[in-house]
Protein backbone atom coordinates (compact mmCIF):
# COMPACT_ATOMS: atom_id res chain seq x y z
CA MET A 1 0.00 0.00 0.00
CA THR A 2 1.41 3.37 -1.00
CA LEU A 3 1.90 6.20 1.45
CA SER A 4 -0.90 8.32 -0.02
CA VAL A 5 -3.41 5.46 0.14
CA LEU A 6 -2.33 4.65 3.68
CA LEU A 7 -2.73 8.25 4.82
CA THR A 8 -6.16 8.47 3.20
CA SER A 9 -7.24 5.23 4.87
CA LEU A 10 -5.94 6.48 8.20
CA LEU A 11 -7.90 9.73 7.93
CA ILE A 12 -11.05 7.84 6.97
CA ALA A 13 -10.62 5.50 9.96
CA VAL A 14 -10.58 8.53 12.27
CA VAL A 15 -14.30 9.11 11.66
CA PRO A 16 -15.59 5.79 13.10
CA ALA A 17 -13.08 6.08 15.96
CA PHE A 18 -14.50 9.50 16.83
CA VAL A 19 -18.08 8.21 16.68
CA ILE A 20 -17.29 5.16 18.84
CA GLY A 21 -15.58 7.26 21.50
CA MET A 22 -18.44 9.75 21.57
CA LEU A 23 -21.08 7.00 21.82
CA LYS A 24 -19.26 5.39 24.74
CA ALA A 25 -19.10 8.74 26.54
CA ARG A 26 -22.82 9.25 26.02
CA SER A 27 -23.54 5.79 27.38
CA LEU A 28 -21.59 6.69 30.52
CA ALA A 29 -23.58 9.87 30.96
CA LYS A 30 -26.90 8.01 31.33
CA ASP A 31 -28.90 10.99 30.09
CA ASN A 32 -27.12 13.25 32.59
CA PRO A 33 -24.22 15.13 30.90
CA ARG A 34 -23.08 16.49 34.27
CA LEU A 35 -21.70 13.06 35.13
CA LEU A 36 -18.96 13.55 32.52
CA HIS A 37 -15.93 15.77 33.03
CA SER A 38 -15.93 16.78 29.34
CA ARG A 39 -18.43 16.89 26.54
CA PRO A 40 -18.88 13.67 24.53
CA GLY A 41 -17.17 15.25 21.51
CA TYR A 42 -13.92 15.56 23.46
CA TYR A 43 -13.97 11.86 24.26
CA GLY A 44 -14.52 11.10 20.60
CA GLY A 45 -11.67 13.43 19.69
CA TYR A 46 -9.42 11.72 22.22
CA VAL A 47 -10.05 8.30 20.67
CA ALA A 48 -9.60 9.72 17.16
CA ILE A 49 -6.28 11.33 18.11
CA TRP A 50 -4.86 8.13 19.56
CA SER A 51 -6.12 6.17 16.56
CA ALA A 52 -4.35 8.41 14.07
CA LEU A 53 -1.52 10.36 15.69
CA PRO A 54 0.95 7.54 16.57
CA ALA A 55 0.50 5.94 13.14
CA LEU A 56 0.81 9.33 11.44
CA VAL A 57 4.06 10.19 13.26
CA PHE A 58 5.43 6.76 12.39
CA LEU A 59 4.54 7.21 8.71
CA LEU A 60 6.25 10.59 8.54
CA ILE A 61 9.43 9.24 10.15
CA TRP A 62 9.39 6.08 8.04
CA SER A 63 8.85 7.95 4.76
CA ALA A 64 11.84 10.17 5.58
CA ILE A 65 14.22 7.41 6.68
CA SER A 66 13.21 4.49 4.45
CA PRO A 67 14.47 5.91 1.10
CA LEU A 68 17.85 6.69 2.68
CA VAL A 69 18.20 3.19 4.16
CA VAL A 70 17.05 1.44 0.99
CA GLY A 71 19.33 3.53 -1.20
CA SER A 72 22.28 2.88 1.11
CA LEU A 73 21.67 -0.89 1.03
CA VAL A 74 21.45 -0.96 -2.76
CA ARG A 75 24.54 1.21 -3.11
CA SER A 76 26.52 -1.09 -0.79
CA GLU A 77 25.69 -4.08 -3.03
CA LEU A 78 27.15 -2.48 -6.17
CA PRO A 79 30.40 -4.00 -7.49
CA ASP A 80 33.61 -2.76 -5.92
CA ARG A 81 34.83 -1.33 -9.23
CA VAL A 82 31.73 0.89 -9.34
CA LEU A 83 32.05 2.03 -5.73
CA GLN A 84 35.65 3.08 -6.42
CA GLU A 85 34.42 5.64 -8.96
CA ALA A 86 34.09 9.32 -8.08
CA GLY A 87 31.12 10.29 -5.95
CA GLY A 88 29.37 12.04 -8.82
CA GLN A 89 29.72 8.96 -11.05
CA VAL A 90 28.22 6.71 -8.36
CA SER A 91 25.31 9.12 -7.96
CA LEU A 92 24.77 9.03 -11.72
CA ILE A 93 24.72 5.23 -11.66
CA MET A 94 22.23 5.26 -8.78
CA GLY A 95 20.03 7.59 -10.84
CA THR A 96 20.12 5.07 -13.68
CA VAL A 97 19.27 2.28 -11.24
CA ASP A 98 16.28 4.26 -9.99
CA ALA A 99 15.08 4.93 -13.57
CA VAL A 100 15.37 1.23 -14.45
CA ALA A 101 13.60 0.24 -11.21
CA LYS A 102 10.58 2.41 -12.05
CA GLY A 103 9.97 0.46 -15.25
CA LEU A 104 11.09 -2.94 -14.03
CA PRO A 105 8.38 -5.25 -12.65
CA VAL A 106 9.03 -7.57 -9.75
CA LEU A 107 10.97 -10.42 -11.35
CA THR A 108 10.58 -14.09 -10.64
CA PRO A 109 13.69 -16.33 -10.36
CA THR A 110 12.97 -17.64 -13.87
CA GLU A 111 12.82 -14.12 -15.31
CA ARG A 112 16.04 -13.18 -13.55
CA SER A 113 17.88 -16.13 -15.11
CA GLU A 114 16.41 -15.36 -18.54
CA ILE A 115 17.56 -11.72 -18.36
CA ALA A 116 20.98 -12.92 -17.21
CA ARG A 117 21.22 -15.06 -20.37
CA ASN A 118 19.79 -12.36 -22.65
CA PRO A 119 20.42 -8.84 -21.26
CA ALA A 120 18.86 -7.26 -24.36
CA ALA A 121 15.43 -8.45 -23.20
CA ILE A 122 15.42 -5.76 -20.52
CA ARG A 123 15.13 -3.04 -23.17
CA ASP A 124 11.73 -4.36 -24.30
CA ILE A 125 10.52 -4.56 -20.69
CA LEU A 126 11.58 -1.00 -19.97
CA GLY A 127 10.19 0.27 -23.26
CA LYS A 128 6.73 -1.06 -22.39
CA ALA A 129 6.93 0.86 -19.09
CA GLY A 130 7.88 4.08 -20.89
CA VAL A 131 11.50 4.17 -19.63
CA ILE A 132 13.91 5.18 -22.38
CA LEU A 133 17.65 4.82 -21.75
CA ALA A 134 20.48 6.06 -23.93
CA ALA A 135 22.25 2.71 -23.74
CA GLU A 136 21.49 -0.82 -22.65
CA PRO A 137 21.98 -1.07 -18.86
CA GLU A 138 24.71 -3.32 -17.57
CA SER A 139 23.89 -6.48 -15.66
CA TYR A 140 24.79 -5.03 -12.26
CA VAL A 141 22.42 -2.09 -12.91
CA ILE A 142 19.57 -4.50 -13.62
CA ALA A 143 20.41 -6.52 -10.51
CA ALA A 144 20.53 -3.35 -8.41
CA ALA A 145 17.20 -2.14 -9.84
CA ASP A 146 15.61 -5.51 -9.03
CA ARG A 147 17.02 -5.36 -5.52
CA LEU A 148 15.74 -1.78 -5.15
CA ASN A 149 12.22 -2.84 -6.10
CA GLU A 150 12.42 -5.76 -3.69
CA LEU A 151 13.48 -3.56 -0.79
CA ARG A 152 10.88 -0.92 -1.62
CA SER A 153 8.15 -3.56 -1.64
CA LEU A 154 9.37 -4.91 1.70
CA SER A 155 9.47 -1.36 3.09
CA ARG A 156 5.88 -0.70 2.02
CA TRP A 157 4.64 -3.90 3.65
CA LEU A 158 6.47 -3.14 6.89
CA MET A 159 5.19 0.42 6.85
CA THR A 160 1.60 -0.67 6.26
CA GLY A 161 1.63 -3.42 8.87
CA THR A 162 3.26 -1.28 11.55
CA ALA A 163 0.91 1.65 10.89
CA VAL A 164 -2.17 -0.57 11.13
CA ILE A 165 -0.94 -2.13 14.38
CA LEU A 166 -0.21 1.29 15.88
CA ALA A 167 -3.65 2.56 14.87
CA ILE A 168 -5.39 -0.45 16.44
CA LEU A 169 -3.33 -0.28 19.64
CA GLY A 170 -3.91 3.45 19.91
CA PHE A 171 -7.67 2.98 19.49
CA LEU A 172 -7.82 0.23 22.12
CA PHE A 173 -5.71 2.26 24.56
CA ALA A 174 -7.86 5.39 24.19
CA PHE A 175 -11.11 3.43 24.32
CA SER A 176 -10.07 1.70 27.54
CA ARG A 177 -9.29 5.02 29.26
CA ILE A 178 -12.68 6.63 28.63
CA GLY A 179 -14.44 7.17 31.93
CA ALA A 180 -16.75 9.67 33.52
CA THR A 181 -13.92 11.37 35.43
CA PHE A 182 -11.36 11.24 32.59
CA ARG A 183 -10.23 14.74 31.56
CA ALA A 184 -10.57 14.29 27.82
CA ARG A 185 -10.96 18.00 27.11
CA ASN A 186 -7.60 18.83 28.68
CA VAL A 187 -5.82 16.20 26.61
CA VAL A 188 -7.49 17.15 23.33
CA GLU A 189 -6.84 20.87 23.83
CA SER A 190 -3.22 20.14 24.72
CA VAL A 191 -2.80 18.18 21.49
CA VAL A 192 -4.42 20.97 19.47
CA LYS A 193 -2.15 23.54 21.13
CA ALA A 194 0.91 21.37 20.43
CA SER A 195 -0.18 21.07 16.79
CA LEU A 196 -0.43 24.85 16.49
CA ILE A 197 3.01 25.27 18.04
CA ALA A 198 4.41 22.64 15.68
CA ALA A 199 2.91 24.43 12.68
CA SER A 200 4.45 27.72 13.80
CA THR A 201 7.78 25.99 14.43
CA VAL A 202 7.78 24.49 10.94
CA ALA A 203 7.28 27.95 9.41
CA ILE A 204 10.07 29.42 11.54
CA LEU A 205 12.48 26.55 10.86
CA THR A 206 11.74 26.75 7.14
CA THR A 207 12.64 30.44 7.15
CA LEU A 208 15.82 29.76 9.12
CA GLY A 209 16.72 26.91 6.76
CA ILE A 210 16.34 29.16 3.72
CA ILE A 211 18.43 31.89 5.33
CA MET A 212 21.18 29.50 6.43
CA SER A 213 21.39 27.73 3.06
CA VAL A 214 21.70 31.04 1.22
CA LEU A 215 24.15 32.43 3.79
CA ILE A 216 26.45 29.38 3.75
CA GLU A 217 26.68 29.30 -0.04
CA SER A 218 27.24 33.06 -0.09
CA VAL A 219 30.18 32.62 2.28
CA HIS A 220 31.62 30.04 -0.15
CA PHE A 221 31.22 32.54 -2.97
CA PHE A 222 32.94 35.35 -1.09
CA SER A 223 35.85 33.02 -0.30
CA SER A 224 36.77 33.21 -4.01
CA VAL A 225 35.40 36.65 -4.96
CA ASN A 226 36.23 39.89 -3.18
CA LEU A 227 33.28 41.26 -1.18
CA PHE A 228 34.17 44.87 -1.93
CA GLY A 229 34.41 44.14 -5.65
CA PHE A 230 31.02 42.45 -5.58
CA LEU A 231 29.21 45.22 -3.70
CA PHE A 232 30.75 48.15 -5.56
CA GLY A 233 31.68 46.66 -8.92
CA THR A 234 30.17 48.32 -12.00
CA VAL A 235 30.70 45.49 -14.49
CA TRP A 236 28.70 42.28 -14.60
CA ASP A 237 30.60 39.71 -16.69
CA PRO A 238 30.48 36.22 -15.15
CA ARG A 239 32.23 34.68 -18.18
CA PHE A 240 30.35 31.43 -18.56
CA ALA A 241 32.80 30.20 -21.18
CA GLY A 242 35.60 29.97 -18.63
CA ALA A 243 36.33 26.92 -16.53
CA GLY A 244 38.45 26.27 -13.48
CA ASP A 245 40.83 29.11 -12.74
CA ALA A 246 39.71 31.09 -15.78
CA ALA A 247 36.15 31.17 -14.52
CA ALA A 248 37.27 32.87 -11.31
CA GLN A 249 38.46 35.84 -13.36
CA GLY A 250 34.87 36.88 -14.15
CA GLN A 251 33.61 40.24 -12.91
CA PHE A 252 30.63 40.11 -10.56
CA GLY A 253 29.73 43.76 -10.06
CA LEU A 254 26.43 44.13 -8.21
CA LEU A 255 25.72 47.78 -8.99
CA PRO A 256 24.26 47.30 -12.53
CA LEU A 257 21.86 44.66 -11.23
CA LEU A 258 20.97 46.63 -8.12
CA TRP A 259 20.39 49.78 -10.12
CA GLY A 260 18.20 47.94 -12.64
CA THR A 261 16.15 46.46 -9.80
CA LEU A 262 15.61 49.79 -8.07
CA PHE A 263 15.09 51.65 -11.37
CA ILE A 264 12.32 49.36 -12.62
CA SER A 265 10.74 49.24 -9.16
CA ALA A 266 10.73 53.05 -8.99
CA ILE A 267 8.97 53.29 -12.36
CA ALA A 268 6.47 50.70 -11.16
CA LEU A 269 5.74 52.63 -7.97
CA ILE A 270 5.41 55.92 -9.88
CA THR A 271 2.77 54.15 -11.98
CA ALA A 272 0.98 52.22 -9.25
CA VAL A 273 0.89 54.65 -6.31
CA PRO A 274 -1.17 57.47 -7.90
CA LEU A 275 -3.56 55.08 -9.66
CA GLY A 276 -3.92 52.82 -6.65
CA LEU A 277 -4.31 55.65 -4.14
CA PHE A 278 -6.82 57.60 -6.24
CA SER A 279 -8.88 54.48 -6.87
CA ALA A 280 -8.79 53.70 -3.12
CA ILE A 281 -10.02 57.21 -2.29
CA TYR A 282 -12.83 56.88 -4.81
CA MET A 283 -13.87 53.44 -3.58
CA ALA A 284 -13.79 54.42 0.09
CA GLU A 285 -15.22 57.95 -0.06
CA TYR A 286 -17.17 58.56 -3.26
CA ALA A 287 -18.34 55.29 -4.79
CA HIS A 288 -21.89 54.09 -4.23
CA PRO A 289 -21.98 50.78 -2.32
CA LYS A 290 -23.30 48.96 -5.40
CA VAL A 291 -20.54 50.42 -7.56
CA ARG A 292 -17.93 49.54 -4.94
CA ALA A 293 -19.25 45.98 -4.72
CA VAL A 294 -18.65 45.56 -8.47
CA PHE A 295 -15.49 47.54 -9.19
CA LYS A 296 -13.42 46.61 -6.14
CA PRO A 297 -13.37 42.85 -6.98
CA LEU A 298 -12.70 43.69 -10.63
CA LEU A 299 -9.70 45.79 -9.63
CA GLU A 300 -8.38 43.06 -7.37
CA VAL A 301 -8.54 40.56 -10.23
CA LEU A 302 -5.30 42.15 -11.44
CA ALA A 303 -3.53 40.56 -8.48
CA GLY A 304 -4.63 37.09 -9.61
CA ILE A 305 -3.21 37.30 -13.14
CA PRO A 306 -0.01 35.21 -13.47
CA THR A 307 3.11 37.30 -13.88
CA ILE A 308 4.07 35.41 -17.03
CA VAL A 309 0.88 36.77 -18.62
CA TYR A 310 1.93 40.29 -17.66
CA GLY A 311 5.30 39.55 -19.22
CA PHE A 312 3.72 38.47 -22.51
CA PHE A 313 1.50 41.55 -22.43
CA ALA A 314 4.56 43.75 -22.01
CA LEU A 315 6.51 41.94 -24.72
CA VAL A 316 3.73 41.80 -27.31
CA THR A 317 1.80 45.02 -26.62
CA ILE A 318 3.51 47.59 -24.39
CA GLY A 319 7.06 47.19 -25.76
CA PRO A 320 6.13 47.61 -29.46
CA PHE A 321 3.71 50.43 -28.56
CA LEU A 322 6.43 52.40 -26.78
CA ARG A 323 8.90 51.76 -29.60
CA ASP A 324 6.48 52.91 -32.32
CA THR A 325 5.29 55.90 -30.29
CA GLY A 326 8.85 56.99 -29.58
CA ALA A 327 9.69 56.74 -33.28
CA LEU A 328 6.94 59.25 -34.06
CA PHE A 329 8.71 61.81 -31.86
CA GLY A 330 12.23 60.90 -32.93
CA LEU A 331 13.00 58.90 -29.77
CA GLN A 332 14.79 55.58 -29.91
CA ILE A 333 13.00 53.30 -27.43
CA SER A 334 13.97 49.67 -27.21
CA ALA A 335 11.17 47.10 -27.39
CA THR A 336 12.60 45.68 -24.16
CA SER A 337 13.17 48.65 -21.89
CA ALA A 338 13.06 49.63 -18.25
CA LEU A 339 10.08 51.86 -19.00
CA GLY A 340 7.98 49.05 -20.47
CA ALA A 341 8.80 46.65 -17.64
CA GLY A 342 8.13 49.31 -15.01
CA LEU A 343 4.76 50.29 -16.50
CA VAL A 344 3.50 46.71 -16.65
CA MET A 345 4.86 45.93 -13.20
CA GLY A 346 3.10 49.05 -11.92
CA ILE A 347 -0.19 47.75 -13.34
CA MET A 348 0.46 44.46 -11.57
CA ILE A 349 0.95 46.02 -8.12
CA ILE A 350 -1.96 48.47 -8.34
CA PRO A 351 -4.21 46.09 -6.35
CA PHE A 352 -1.63 45.94 -3.54
CA VAL A 353 -1.73 49.71 -3.13
CA SER A 354 -5.43 50.11 -3.86
CA SER A 355 -6.82 47.30 -1.71
CA LEU A 356 -4.66 48.03 1.34
CA SER A 357 -5.19 51.78 1.11
CA ASP A 358 -8.93 51.29 0.68
CA ASP A 359 -9.13 49.20 3.85
CA ILE A 360 -7.00 51.71 5.76
CA ILE A 361 -9.04 54.73 4.63
CA SER A 362 -12.28 52.93 5.43
CA ALA A 363 -10.97 52.19 8.93
CA VAL A 364 -10.62 55.90 9.76
CA PRO A 365 -13.34 56.65 12.37
CA GLN A 366 -16.47 58.24 10.97
CA SER A 367 -16.47 60.68 13.91
CA LEU A 368 -13.45 62.47 12.40
CA ARG A 369 -15.33 63.06 9.17
CA GLU A 370 -18.41 64.26 10.98
CA GLY A 371 -16.33 66.64 13.11
CA SER A 372 -14.75 68.09 9.98
CA PHE A 373 -18.13 68.52 8.32
CA GLY A 374 -19.42 70.18 11.47
CA LEU A 375 -16.66 72.79 11.21
CA GLY A 376 -17.79 73.64 7.68
CA ALA A 377 -15.21 71.70 5.64
CA THR A 378 -16.19 70.28 2.29
CA LYS A 379 -15.85 66.58 1.45
CA SER A 380 -12.65 67.10 -0.55
CA GLU A 381 -11.15 69.22 2.25
CA THR A 382 -12.08 66.56 4.79
CA ILE A 383 -10.35 63.90 2.71
CA LYS A 384 -7.19 65.99 2.21
CA LEU A 385 -6.87 67.44 5.71
CA VAL A 386 -8.38 64.73 7.95
CA VAL A 387 -8.81 61.32 6.36
CA LEU A 388 -5.53 61.03 4.47
CA PRO A 389 -3.34 62.29 7.37
CA ALA A 390 -5.06 59.80 9.67
CA ALA A 391 -4.52 56.96 7.19
CA LEU A 392 -1.03 58.07 6.12
CA PRO A 393 0.99 55.51 8.18
CA GLY A 394 -0.99 52.61 6.74
CA ILE A 395 -0.76 54.01 3.22
CA VAL A 396 3.02 54.36 3.52
CA GLY A 397 3.21 50.78 4.74
CA ALA A 398 1.11 49.61 1.78
CA VAL A 399 3.39 51.44 -0.67
CA LEU A 400 6.52 49.92 0.85
CA LEU A 401 5.00 46.44 0.77
CA ALA A 402 4.08 46.97 -2.89
CA GLY A 403 7.66 48.07 -3.51
CA SER A 404 8.92 44.83 -1.95
CA ARG A 405 6.65 42.92 -4.32
CA ALA A 406 8.02 44.82 -7.29
CA ILE A 407 11.65 44.23 -6.28
CA GLY A 408 11.11 40.46 -6.19
CA GLU A 409 9.46 40.21 -9.61
CA THR A 410 11.20 38.09 -12.27
CA MET A 411 9.09 37.05 -15.26
CA ILE A 412 7.97 40.54 -16.29
CA VAL A 413 11.58 41.74 -16.29
CA VAL A 414 12.81 38.73 -18.27
CA LEU A 415 10.33 39.35 -21.08
CA ALA A 416 9.94 43.13 -20.94
CA ALA A 417 13.33 44.53 -19.87
CA GLY A 418 15.82 42.01 -21.23
CA ILE A 419 18.89 40.49 -19.60
CA ALA A 420 21.52 43.17 -20.32
CA ALA A 421 23.20 44.42 -17.15
CA ASN A 422 23.45 48.12 -18.02
CA LEU A 423 24.22 50.93 -15.60
CA THR A 424 22.14 53.68 -17.21
CA ILE A 425 19.59 56.31 -16.21
CA ASN A 426 17.87 56.17 -19.60
CA PRO A 427 14.49 54.43 -19.11
CA PHE A 428 14.32 53.71 -22.84
CA GLU A 429 17.23 51.24 -22.69
CA SER A 430 17.33 47.63 -21.60
CA VAL A 431 18.30 46.80 -18.04
CA THR A 432 18.00 43.74 -15.88
CA THR A 433 17.41 42.91 -12.22
CA ILE A 434 18.85 40.73 -9.50
CA THR A 435 16.09 38.14 -9.79
CA VAL A 436 16.68 37.65 -13.50
CA LYS A 437 20.37 36.99 -12.96
CA ILE A 438 19.63 34.53 -10.17
CA VAL A 439 17.62 32.48 -12.65
CA SER A 440 20.24 32.73 -15.40
CA GLN A 441 23.13 31.81 -13.09
CA LEU A 442 21.37 28.65 -11.93
CA THR A 443 20.48 27.59 -15.48
CA GLY A 444 23.03 25.54 -17.38
CA ASP A 445 25.61 22.80 -16.91
CA LEU A 446 28.15 24.61 -14.74
CA GLU A 447 29.60 22.90 -11.68
CA PHE A 448 27.81 23.88 -8.50
CA ASN A 449 30.96 25.01 -6.71
CA THR A 450 31.99 27.55 -9.36
CA PRO A 451 31.66 31.31 -8.70
CA GLN A 452 29.24 31.53 -11.64
CA THR A 453 26.75 29.35 -9.75
CA LEU A 454 27.46 30.45 -6.20
CA VAL A 455 26.94 34.10 -7.13
CA ALA A 456 23.21 33.34 -7.37
CA PHE A 457 23.16 32.77 -3.61
CA ALA A 458 25.00 36.03 -2.99
CA LEU A 459 22.45 37.82 -5.17
CA GLY A 460 19.63 36.07 -3.32
CA LEU A 461 21.08 37.16 0.02
CA THR A 462 21.30 40.74 -1.24
CA LEU A 463 17.68 40.66 -2.41
CA PHE A 464 16.60 39.14 0.89
CA VAL A 465 18.30 41.93 2.84
CA ILE A 466 16.67 44.60 0.65
CA THR A 467 13.14 43.23 0.92
CA LEU A 468 13.51 42.49 4.62
CA SER A 469 14.72 46.04 5.23
CA LEU A 470 11.74 47.47 3.35
CA ASN A 471 9.30 45.32 5.30
CA ILE A 472 10.88 46.26 8.63
CA TYR A 473 10.84 49.93 7.67
CA ALA A 474 7.18 49.66 6.67
CA LEU A 475 6.30 48.15 10.04
CA HIS A 476 8.34 50.84 11.77
CA ILE A 477 6.48 53.59 9.93
CA VAL A 478 3.12 52.07 10.76
CA ARG A 479 3.94 51.63 14.45
CA LYS A 480 5.63 54.99 14.85
CA TYR A 481 2.90 57.12 13.35
CA ARG A 482 -0.12 55.04 14.29
CA GLU A 483 -2.68 57.03 16.26
CA GLN A 484 -5.61 55.67 18.18
CA TYR A 485 -8.92 57.44 17.60
CA GLU A 486 -11.92 57.11 19.86
């Protein structure tokens, strides 16, 4: 039984366990719920937890450890001449073994002897399973693939049997403990609280893992490339054609990429902030409720459009439009330019500014508006002199969060701005961003430990610091200038 089927069966079995536990609790109550310490649902939840949780923990641990153990056993049974190869070659052979195992059925002793006499027969077997190999696998690869399937089958049976036994034992244990004085509610709420803590811990550990992985590889990069040259270099020339010592001579200047990132983001904010803020003011202060109910969701649809679609829109429509329009006025505008990418990116982040600003403006107490009207101010004066100053901290935070979103964008820049690392203030020329270069540096057949690959982690660390700083500054602005109105 596969892991997915086993998990589904386990979750389905929780339902009857819950019902059985609840029915037993009700039978103990004897039509008087006060006899029970907890409500019947808590007793049912207690039985359901013990029926599923031990088996679930076991399955998670087993699914993490089993592939490592099985792979290690199969690797240890490879011929000595294979194990003496370089580590990368052994990993490549194990990949071939895994590919053969996926298309190889469980063989009988007769089939094993037949394949041993005629190794070419394995090609037909693999072809029927849809596995295409560049060359006919050697006999030890076939033997290893057969052994891999055998161990995987044994692992699945052990996993299934142990999980079923744990589920049954957990159910019997929980069922036997149900009594009128048993504190089922305390146990169930403790488990729920522990689950919430575990979920929060997973999110925190994931963030720490991402940071540490990027930081460690960045340290490896800076061990071969000067930090000062990276931060203040004006030339980006990684020299992909080089290898070994020659590759280390590439120039990894960050400034062209950083400038392109900030330049395009600035154009995007110049486009998005006025449109988003004005639309938020209209929606919150002027629009009829029926109009707001229609147009606000339509505006927020922009946030659900995939960025690759925005990129195609910029490449096919905005870029040629800017080029042709510039030609009418004697301006030379590239079809892939910072201006085109910034305009389309600005359209993309309008909902971030508009929706957040709308909610913030709507949250301003109505008493402030009424006080302004009572002093004789018009609606426009009230908005300019009362509502917007009160909502200003939240609006600034929304703009900075939208800026963080723009800085991390990739696909629009790839299609609309190009990949040329230019240090220019001309918005009509092509530029590129940090995110685009991260993608390009990790694409190809370069060795992982070369500066050309490791620079992607240094760029990622730089981008992480920038976006984190913007988010922290946005929170600081909101907290510093937040005012409480009664």
